[in-house]
Amino acid sequence: MFASLFSKKDKPTPKSPIKELTSEELEEAKFKARIAFIDDEEISHVERLQDDGYNITQFDDIDNIDDFLRKKYNVVVLDIQGIGQKLSPKSEGWGILKYLKNANPNLVVIMFTGAEWSITKYKQEAEKADDFIGKDLEFLDFKSKLDDGIKKAFSPSYHFEIERKKMLKEISNTSTIEQIKSVIDTYGGNKESTKKELLKITNNKEVLEIADNFLSIVGNITSLLV
């Protein structure tokens, strides 16, 4: 686990913040992850998943998208048709997906659909989705897809790759980014030590904020697993 992430000890931590969860930690994460299902129709497998222990909140639609984002879900399973009637009546769920991923690229969004033509029509928006779940999937296949989404939401590597892309917009030198990753890997258990070491590599304010954001994301993961 990443329990030492905010340790007050001013020395490298033996546990890297970029280290992936163990299988045991992933099993625990399945039931700690905050999951939102958004569909204007009943989703047949949700009640069974809740009975199995998954922390799922259901919505018929999203009326206030900023309020929804403030709830800080780890995974969102989003229907395409019939969703976003007030916010994006033309593109429906695709418009919601676009806004969610632009506002919070680290949010794992799985599109829930039975209409492949819609994916083709909204190809640019569809590329923002982390995965797709077909409405005709049997329970175990449905559960497996959801588990994959949770694994991604709790993967430091997934989140670091998102932050890496942000860094590349600020600095083009990939070796510098690798140095940043190495510092986080070594000192990330202590945010103050990490900042000191990063300042030896770059004084780019935006890059430093991106690195700090990554540590905050992993810190949020930690807080759910302790």
C-alpha atoms as a PDB file:
ATOM      1  CA  MET A   1       0.000   0.000   0.000  1.00  0.00           C
ATOM      2  CA  PHE A   2       1.088   3.628  -0.185  1.00  0.00           C
ATOM      3  CA  ALA A   3       0.691   4.212   3.558  1.00  0.00           C
ATOM      4  CA  SER A   4       3.998   6.063   3.878  1.00  0.00           C
ATOM      5  CA  LEU A   5       3.178   8.641   1.211  1.00  0.00           C
ATOM      6  CA  PHE A   6       2.868  11.551   3.615  1.00  0.00           C
ATOM      7  CA  SER A   7       5.500  10.372   6.109  1.00  0.00           C
ATOM      8  CA  LYS A   8       7.196  13.141   8.052  1.00  0.00           C
ATOM      9  CA  LYS A   9      10.559  11.412   7.848  1.00  0.00           C
ATOM     10  CA  ASP A  10      12.878  13.505   5.736  1.00  0.00           C
ATOM     11  CA  LYS A  11      14.467  10.624   3.867  1.00  0.00           C
ATOM     12  CA  PRO A  12      13.625   8.408   0.896  1.00  0.00           C
ATOM     13  CA  THR A  13      10.815   5.993   1.487  1.00  0.00           C
ATOM     14  CA  PRO A  14      11.295   2.303   0.700  1.00  0.00           C
ATOM     15  CA  LYS A  15       7.804   2.219  -0.822  1.00  0.00           C
ATOM     16  CA  SER A  16       7.550   3.963  -4.183  1.00  0.00           C
ATOM     17  CA  PRO A  17       4.389   5.983  -4.901  1.00  0.00           C
ATOM     18  CA  ILE A  18       4.591   4.653  -8.464  1.00  0.00           C
ATOM     19  CA  LYS A  19       4.506   1.049  -7.307  1.00  0.00           C
ATOM     20  CA  GLU A  20       1.344  -0.770  -8.392  1.00  0.00           C
ATOM     21  CA  LEU A  21      -1.076  -2.295  -5.914  1.00  0.00           C
ATOM     22  CA  THR A  22      -0.612  -5.923  -4.963  1.00  0.00           C
ATOM     23  CA  SER A  23      -3.347  -8.428  -5.813  1.00  0.00           C
ATOM     24  CA  GLU A  24      -4.502  -8.294  -2.191  1.00  0.00           C
ATOM     25  CA  GLU A  25      -4.669  -4.495  -2.271  1.00  0.00           C
ATOM     26  CA  LEU A  26      -6.578  -4.593  -5.553  1.00  0.00           C
ATOM     27  CA  GLU A  27      -9.113  -6.954  -4.028  1.00  0.00           C
ATOM     28  CA  GLU A  28      -9.582  -4.457  -1.202  1.00  0.00           C
ATOM     29  CA  ALA A  29      -9.771  -1.552  -3.652  1.00  0.00           C
ATOM     30  CA  LYS A  30     -12.695  -3.178  -5.462  1.00  0.00           C
ATOM     31  CA  PHE A  31     -14.907  -2.539  -2.472  1.00  0.00           C
ATOM     32  CA  LYS A  32     -13.414   0.825  -1.467  1.00  0.00           C
ATOM     33  CA  ALA A  33     -13.617   2.468  -4.893  1.00  0.00           C
ATOM     34  CA  ARG A  34     -16.360   5.078  -5.267  1.00  0.00           C
ATOM     35  CA  ILE A  35     -18.317   4.119  -8.378  1.00  0.00           C
ATOM     36  CA  ALA A  36     -21.094   6.049 -10.128  1.00  0.00           C
ATOM     37  CA  PHE A  37     -23.512   4.451 -12.590  1.00  0.00           C
ATOM     38  CA  ILE A  38     -25.424   6.927 -14.753  1.00  0.00           C
ATOM     39  CA  ASP A  39     -28.304   5.530 -16.802  1.00  0.00           C
ATOM     40  CA  ASP A  40     -31.924   6.548 -17.273  1.00  0.00           C
ATOM     41  CA  GLU A  41     -32.870   2.871 -17.360  1.00  0.00           C
ATOM     42  CA  GLU A  42     -32.396   0.139 -14.781  1.00  0.00           C
ATOM     43  CA  ILE A  43     -29.026  -1.611 -14.969  1.00  0.00           C
ATOM     44  CA  SER A  44     -29.686  -5.273 -14.260  1.00  0.00           C
ATOM     45  CA  HIS A  45     -26.284  -6.109 -12.708  1.00  0.00           C
ATOM     46  CA  VAL A  46     -25.931  -3.145 -10.327  1.00  0.00           C
ATOM     47  CA  GLU A  47     -27.970  -4.561  -7.463  1.00  0.00           C
ATOM     48  CA  ARG A  48     -26.018  -7.807  -7.573  1.00  0.00           C
ATOM     49  CA  LEU A  49     -22.725  -5.897  -7.545  1.00  0.00           C
ATOM     50  CA  GLN A  50     -23.910  -3.890  -4.550  1.00  0.00           C
ATOM     51  CA  ASP A  51     -24.845  -7.123  -2.792  1.00  0.00           C
ATOM     52  CA  ASP A  52     -21.298  -8.340  -3.489  1.00  0.00           C
ATOM     53  CA  GLY A  53     -19.932  -5.273  -1.693  1.00  0.00           C
ATOM     54  CA  TYR A  54     -19.219  -2.753  -4.456  1.00  0.00           C
ATOM     55  CA  ASN A  55     -19.668   0.901  -3.421  1.00  0.00           C
ATOM     56  CA  ILE A  56     -22.011   2.009  -6.215  1.00  0.00           C
ATOM     57  CA  THR A  57     -24.200   5.111  -6.419  1.00  0.00           C
ATOM     58  CA  GLN A  58     -26.804   5.263  -9.189  1.00  0.00           C
ATOM     59  CA  PHE A  59     -27.978   8.348 -11.079  1.00  0.00           C
ATOM     60  CA  ASP A  60     -30.707   8.716 -13.689  1.00  0.00           C
ATOM     61  CA  ASP A  61     -28.873  11.696 -15.179  1.00  0.00           C
ATOM     62  CA  ILE A  62     -26.515  14.549 -14.299  1.00  0.00           C
ATOM     63  CA  ASP A  63     -28.128  17.936 -13.763  1.00  0.00           C
ATOM     64  CA  ASN A  64     -25.168  19.747 -12.175  1.00  0.00           C
ATOM     65  CA  ILE A  65     -21.939  18.385 -13.593  1.00  0.00           C
ATOM     66  CA  ASP A  66     -19.605  20.467 -11.411  1.00  0.00           C
ATOM     67  CA  ASP A  67     -21.364  19.213  -8.288  1.00  0.00           C
ATOM     68  CA  PHE A  68     -20.983  15.687  -9.647  1.00  0.00           C
ATOM     69  CA  LEU A  69     -17.237  16.175 -10.139  1.00  0.00           C
ATOM     70  CA  ARG A  70     -16.857  17.459  -6.592  1.00  0.00           C
ATOM     71  CA  LYS A  71     -18.070  14.091  -5.310  1.00  0.00           C
ATOM     72  CA  LYS A  72     -14.734  12.670  -6.559  1.00  0.00           C
ATOM     73  CA  TYR A  73     -15.795   9.271  -7.856  1.00  0.00           C
ATOM     74  CA  ASN A  74     -13.010   6.908  -8.877  1.00  0.00           C
ATOM     75  CA  VAL A  75     -14.935   5.226 -11.693  1.00  0.00           C
ATOM     76  CA  VAL A  76     -17.938   6.414 -13.688  1.00  0.00           C
ATOM     77  CA  VAL A  77     -20.012   4.049 -15.820  1.00  0.00           C
ATOM     78  CA  LEU A  78     -21.868   6.337 -18.204  1.00  0.00           C
ATOM     79  CA  ASP A  79     -24.736   5.533 -20.544  1.00  0.00           C
ATOM     80  CA  ILE A  80     -24.759   7.242 -23.934  1.00  0.00           C
ATOM     81  CA  GLN A  81     -28.361   7.596 -25.004  1.00  0.00           C
ATOM     82  CA  GLY A  82     -30.913   9.374 -22.813  1.00  0.00           C
ATOM     83  CA  ILE A  83     -28.212  10.997 -20.639  1.00  0.00           C
ATOM     84  CA  GLY A  84     -27.339  14.687 -20.550  1.00  0.00           C
ATOM     85  CA  GLN A  85     -30.702  15.840 -21.858  1.00  0.00           C
ATOM     86  CA  LYS A  86     -30.339  19.212 -20.125  1.00  0.00           C
ATOM     87  CA  LEU A  87     -26.581  19.657 -20.453  1.00  0.00           C
ATOM     88  CA  SER A  88     -25.785  18.163 -23.874  1.00  0.00           C
ATOM     89  CA  PRO A  89     -29.089  17.335 -25.633  1.00  0.00           C
ATOM     90  CA  LYS A  90     -27.450  16.849 -29.045  1.00  0.00           C
ATOM     91  CA  SER A  91     -24.511  14.628 -28.095  1.00  0.00           C
ATOM     92  CA  GLU A  92     -26.065  13.178 -24.882  1.00  0.00           C
ATOM     93  CA  GLY A  93     -23.626  10.955 -22.993  1.00  0.00           C
ATOM     94  CA  TRP A  94     -20.778  11.794 -25.348  1.00  0.00           C
ATOM     95  CA  GLY A  95     -21.018  15.443 -24.320  1.00  0.00           C
ATOM     96  CA  ILE A  96     -20.918  14.424 -20.654  1.00  0.00           C
ATOM     97  CA  LEU A  97     -17.867  12.209 -21.304  1.00  0.00           C
ATOM     98  CA  LYS A  98     -16.023  15.042 -23.050  1.00  0.00           C
ATOM     99  CA  TYR A  99     -16.644  17.470 -20.201  1.00  0.00           C
ATOM    100  CA  LEU A 100     -15.718  14.967 -17.467  1.00  0.00           C
ATOM    101  CA  LYS A 101     -12.426  13.985 -19.103  1.00  0.00           C
ATOM    102  CA  ASN A 102     -11.500  17.589 -19.927  1.00  0.00           C
ATOM    103  CA  ALA A 103     -12.235  18.681 -16.355  1.00  0.00           C
ATOM    104  CA  ASN A 104     -10.562  15.660 -14.759  1.00  0.00           C
ATOM    105  CA  PRO A 105      -8.431  13.527 -17.128  1.00  0.00           C
ATOM    106  CA  ASN A 106      -7.624  11.167 -14.238  1.00  0.00           C
ATOM    107  CA  LEU A 107     -11.259  10.140 -13.789  1.00  0.00           C
ATOM    108  CA  VAL A 108     -11.844   6.659 -15.207  1.00  0.00           C
ATOM    109  CA  VAL A 109     -14.961   6.753 -17.407  1.00  0.00           C
ATOM    110  CA  ILE A 110     -16.437   3.596 -18.910  1.00  0.00           C
ATOM    111  CA  MET A 111     -19.118   4.065 -21.558  1.00  0.00           C
ATOM    112  CA  PHE A 112     -22.164   1.822 -21.232  1.00  0.00           C
ATOM    113  CA  THR A 113     -23.784   1.198 -24.576  1.00  0.00           C
ATOM    114  CA  GLY A 114     -25.438  -1.175 -26.972  1.00  0.00           C
ATOM    115  CA  ALA A 115     -25.225   1.164 -29.975  1.00  0.00           C
ATOM    116  CA  GLU A 116     -21.981   0.678 -31.922  1.00  0.00           C
ATOM    117  CA  TRP A 117     -23.102   3.163 -34.583  1.00  0.00           C
ATOM    118  CA  SER A 118     -22.941   5.871 -31.938  1.00  0.00           C
ATOM    119  CA  ILE A 119     -19.298   5.022 -31.199  1.00  0.00           C
ATOM    120  CA  THR A 120     -18.486   5.407 -34.903  1.00  0.00           C
ATOM    121  CA  LYS A 121     -20.377   8.701 -35.200  1.00  0.00           C
ATOM    122  CA  TYR A 122     -18.715  10.180 -32.118  1.00  0.00           C
ATOM    123  CA  LYS A 123     -15.273   8.661 -32.715  1.00  0.00           C
ATOM    124  CA  GLN A 124     -13.361  11.705 -31.387  1.00  0.00           C
ATOM    125  CA  GLU A 125     -15.349  11.720 -28.148  1.00  0.00           C
ATOM    126  CA  ALA A 126     -15.207   7.919 -27.859  1.00  0.00           C
ATOM    127  CA  GLU A 127     -11.394   8.021 -27.835  1.00  0.00           C
ATOM    128  CA  LYS A 128     -11.576   9.835 -24.490  1.00  0.00           C
ATOM    129  CA  ALA A 129     -13.334   6.868 -22.853  1.00  0.00           C
ATOM    130  CA  ASP A 130     -11.237   4.446 -20.804  1.00  0.00           C
ATOM    131  CA  ASP A 131     -13.342   1.445 -21.836  1.00  0.00           C
ATOM    132  CA  PHE A 132     -16.754   0.280 -23.045  1.00  0.00           C
ATOM    133  CA  ILE A 133     -19.261  -2.077 -21.464  1.00  0.00           C
ATOM    134  CA  GLY A 134     -21.910  -3.629 -23.689  1.00  0.00           C
ATOM    135  CA  LYS A 135     -25.430  -3.671 -22.322  1.00  0.00           C
ATOM    136  CA  ASP A 136     -25.803  -7.314 -23.300  1.00  0.00           C
ATOM    137  CA  LEU A 137     -22.817  -8.604 -21.299  1.00  0.00           C
ATOM    138  CA  GLU A 138     -23.397 -11.406 -18.829  1.00  0.00           C
ATOM    139  CA  PHE A 139     -22.765 -10.633 -15.157  1.00  0.00           C
ATOM    140  CA  LEU A 140     -19.218 -12.016 -14.863  1.00  0.00           C
ATOM    141  CA  ASP A 141     -18.055 -10.253 -18.034  1.00  0.00           C
ATOM    142  CA  PHE A 142     -19.690  -7.050 -16.790  1.00  0.00           C
ATOM    143  CA  LYS A 143     -17.999  -7.444 -13.391  1.00  0.00           C
ATOM    144  CA  SER A 144     -14.624  -8.115 -15.041  1.00  0.00           C
ATOM    145  CA  LYS A 145     -14.871  -4.919 -17.075  1.00  0.00           C
ATOM    146  CA  LEU A 146     -15.726  -2.946 -13.950  1.00  0.00           C
ATOM    147  CA  ASP A 147     -12.811  -4.518 -12.055  1.00  0.00           C
ATOM    148  CA  ASP A 148     -10.472  -3.474 -14.872  1.00  0.00           C
ATOM    149  CA  GLY A 149     -11.732   0.101 -14.536  1.00  0.00           C
ATOM    150  CA  ILE A 150     -11.140   0.059 -10.779  1.00  0.00           C
ATOM    151  CA  LYS A 151      -7.639  -1.327 -11.304  1.00  0.00           C
ATOM    152  CA  LYS A 152      -6.902   1.557 -13.674  1.00  0.00           C
ATOM    153  CA  ALA A 153      -8.321   4.127 -11.250  1.00  0.00           C
ATOM    154  CA  PHE A 154      -5.982   2.804  -8.531  1.00  0.00           C
ATOM    155  CA  SER A 155      -2.937   2.506 -10.797  1.00  0.00           C
ATOM    156  CA  PRO A 156      -0.182   5.101 -10.120  1.00  0.00           C
ATOM    157  CA  SER A 157       1.293   4.319 -13.549  1.00  0.00           C
ATOM    158  CA  TYR A 158      -1.999   5.217 -15.226  1.00  0.00           C
ATOM    159  CA  HIS A 159      -2.143   8.547 -13.440  1.00  0.00           C
ATOM    160  CA  PHE A 160       1.554   9.300 -13.952  1.00  0.00           C
ATOM    161  CA  GLU A 161       1.168   8.798 -17.700  1.00  0.00           C
ATOM    162  CA  ILE A 162      -1.586  11.434 -17.715  1.00  0.00           C
ATOM    163  CA  GLU A 163       0.635  13.826 -15.769  1.00  0.00           C
ATOM    164  CA  ARG A 164       3.575  13.025 -18.064  1.00  0.00           C
ATOM    165  CA  LYS A 165       1.555  14.276 -21.052  1.00  0.00           C
ATOM    166  CA  LYS A 166       0.880  17.506 -19.187  1.00  0.00           C
ATOM    167  CA  MET A 167       4.608  17.866 -18.465  1.00  0.00           C
ATOM    168  CA  LEU A 168       5.465  17.373 -22.136  1.00  0.00           C
ATOM    169  CA  LYS A 169       3.468  20.494 -22.929  1.00  0.00           C
ATOM    170  CA  GLU A 170       5.776  22.430 -20.610  1.00  0.00           C
ATOM    171  CA  ILE A 171       9.138  20.775 -21.268  1.00  0.00           C
ATOM    172  CA  SER A 172      10.073  18.828 -24.387  1.00  0.00           C
ATOM    173  CA  ASN A 173      13.071  17.041 -22.899  1.00  0.00           C
ATOM    174  CA  THR A 174      11.877  13.500 -22.119  1.00  0.00           C
ATOM    175  CA  SER A 175      15.049  12.718 -20.154  1.00  0.00           C
ATOM    176  CA  THR A 176      14.097  15.497 -17.717  1.00  0.00           C
ATOM    177  CA  ILE A 177      10.705  13.877 -17.231  1.00  0.00           C
ATOM    178  CA  GLU A 178      12.411  10.555 -16.560  1.00  0.00           C
ATOM    179  CA  GLN A 179      14.525  12.301 -13.922  1.00  0.00           C
ATOM    180  CA  ILE A 180      11.336  13.691 -12.377  1.00  0.00           C
ATOM    181  CA  LYS A 181       9.823  10.231 -12.324  1.00  0.00           C
ATOM    182  CA  SER A 182      12.952   8.843 -10.675  1.00  0.00           C
ATOM    183  CA  VAL A 183      12.793  11.510  -7.945  1.00  0.00           C
ATOM    184  CA  ILE A 184       9.128  10.768  -7.270  1.00  0.00           C
ATOM    185  CA  ASP A 185       9.900   7.063  -7.246  1.00  0.00           C
ATOM    186  CA  THR A 186      12.611   7.595  -4.614  1.00  0.00           C
ATOM    187  CA  TYR A 187      11.402  10.503  -2.490  1.00  0.00           C
ATOM    188  CA  GLY A 188       7.663  10.482  -3.144  1.00  0.00           C
ATOM    189  CA  GLY A 189       6.861   9.265   0.341  1.00  0.00           C
ATOM    190  CA  ASN A 190       7.682  12.767   1.582  1.00  0.00           C
ATOM    191  CA  LYS A 191       6.283  15.719  -0.376  1.00  0.00           C
ATOM    192  CA  GLU A 192       8.757  18.251   1.036  1.00  0.00           C
ATOM    193  CA  SER A 193      11.773  16.092   0.178  1.00  0.00           C
ATOM    194  CA  THR A 194      10.319  15.514  -3.277  1.00  0.00           C
ATOM    195  CA  LYS A 195       9.955  19.257  -3.884  1.00  0.00           C
ATOM    196  CA  LYS A 196      13.565  19.903  -2.830  1.00  0.00           C
ATOM    197  CA  GLU A 197      14.901  17.232  -5.171  1.00  0.00           C
ATOM    198  CA  LEU A 198      12.671  18.340  -8.064  1.00  0.00           C
ATOM    199  CA  LEU A 199      13.972  21.904  -7.749  1.00  0.00           C
ATOM    200  CA  LYS A 200      17.428  20.514  -8.549  1.00  0.00           C
ATOM    201  CA  ILE A 201      16.007  19.374 -11.900  1.00  0.00           C
ATOM    202  CA  THR A 202      13.594  22.143 -12.878  1.00  0.00           C
ATOM    203  CA  ASN A 203      12.178  25.410 -11.617  1.00  0.00           C
ATOM    204  CA  ASN A 204       9.226  25.276 -14.018  1.00  0.00           C
ATOM    205  CA  LYS A 205       6.270  26.177 -11.814  1.00  0.00           C
ATOM    206  CA  GLU A 206       3.729  24.307 -13.944  1.00  0.00           C
ATOM    207  CA  VAL A 207       5.807  21.118 -13.951  1.00  0.00           C
ATOM    208  CA  LEU A 208       6.243  21.272 -10.185  1.00  0.00           C
ATOM    209  CA  GLU A 209       2.487  21.711  -9.767  1.00  0.00           C
ATOM    210  CA  ILE A 210       1.858  18.719 -12.032  1.00  0.00           C
ATOM    211  CA  ALA A 211       4.200  16.561  -9.937  1.00  0.00           C
ATOM    212  CA  ASP A 212       2.482  17.760  -6.776  1.00  0.00           C
ATOM    213  CA  ASN A 213      -0.899  16.921  -8.288  1.00  0.00           C
ATOM    214  CA  PHE A 214       0.281  13.386  -8.973  1.00  0.00           C
ATOM    215  CA  LEU A 215       1.338  12.924  -5.349  1.00  0.00           C
ATOM    216  CA  SER A 216      -2.059  14.244  -4.232  1.00  0.00           C
ATOM    217  CA  ILE A 217      -3.832  11.750  -6.480  1.00  0.00           C
ATOM    218  CA  VAL A 218      -1.826   8.853  -5.050  1.00  0.00           C
ATOM    219  CA  GLY A 219      -2.457  10.262  -1.589  1.00  0.00           C
ATOM    220  CA  ASN A 220      -6.199  10.076  -2.233  1.00  0.00           C
ATOM    221  CA  ILE A 221      -5.775   6.454  -3.281  1.00  0.00           C
ATOM    222  CA  THR A 222      -3.931   5.792  -0.045  1.00  0.00           C
ATOM    223  CA  SER A 223      -6.629   7.378   2.079  1.00  0.00           C
ATOM    224  CA  LEU A 224      -9.220   4.964   0.684  1.00  0.00           C
ATOM    225  CA  LEU A 225      -7.096   1.918   1.409  1.00  0.00           C
ATOM    226  CA  VAL A 226      -6.059   2.568   5.014  1.00  0.00           C
END
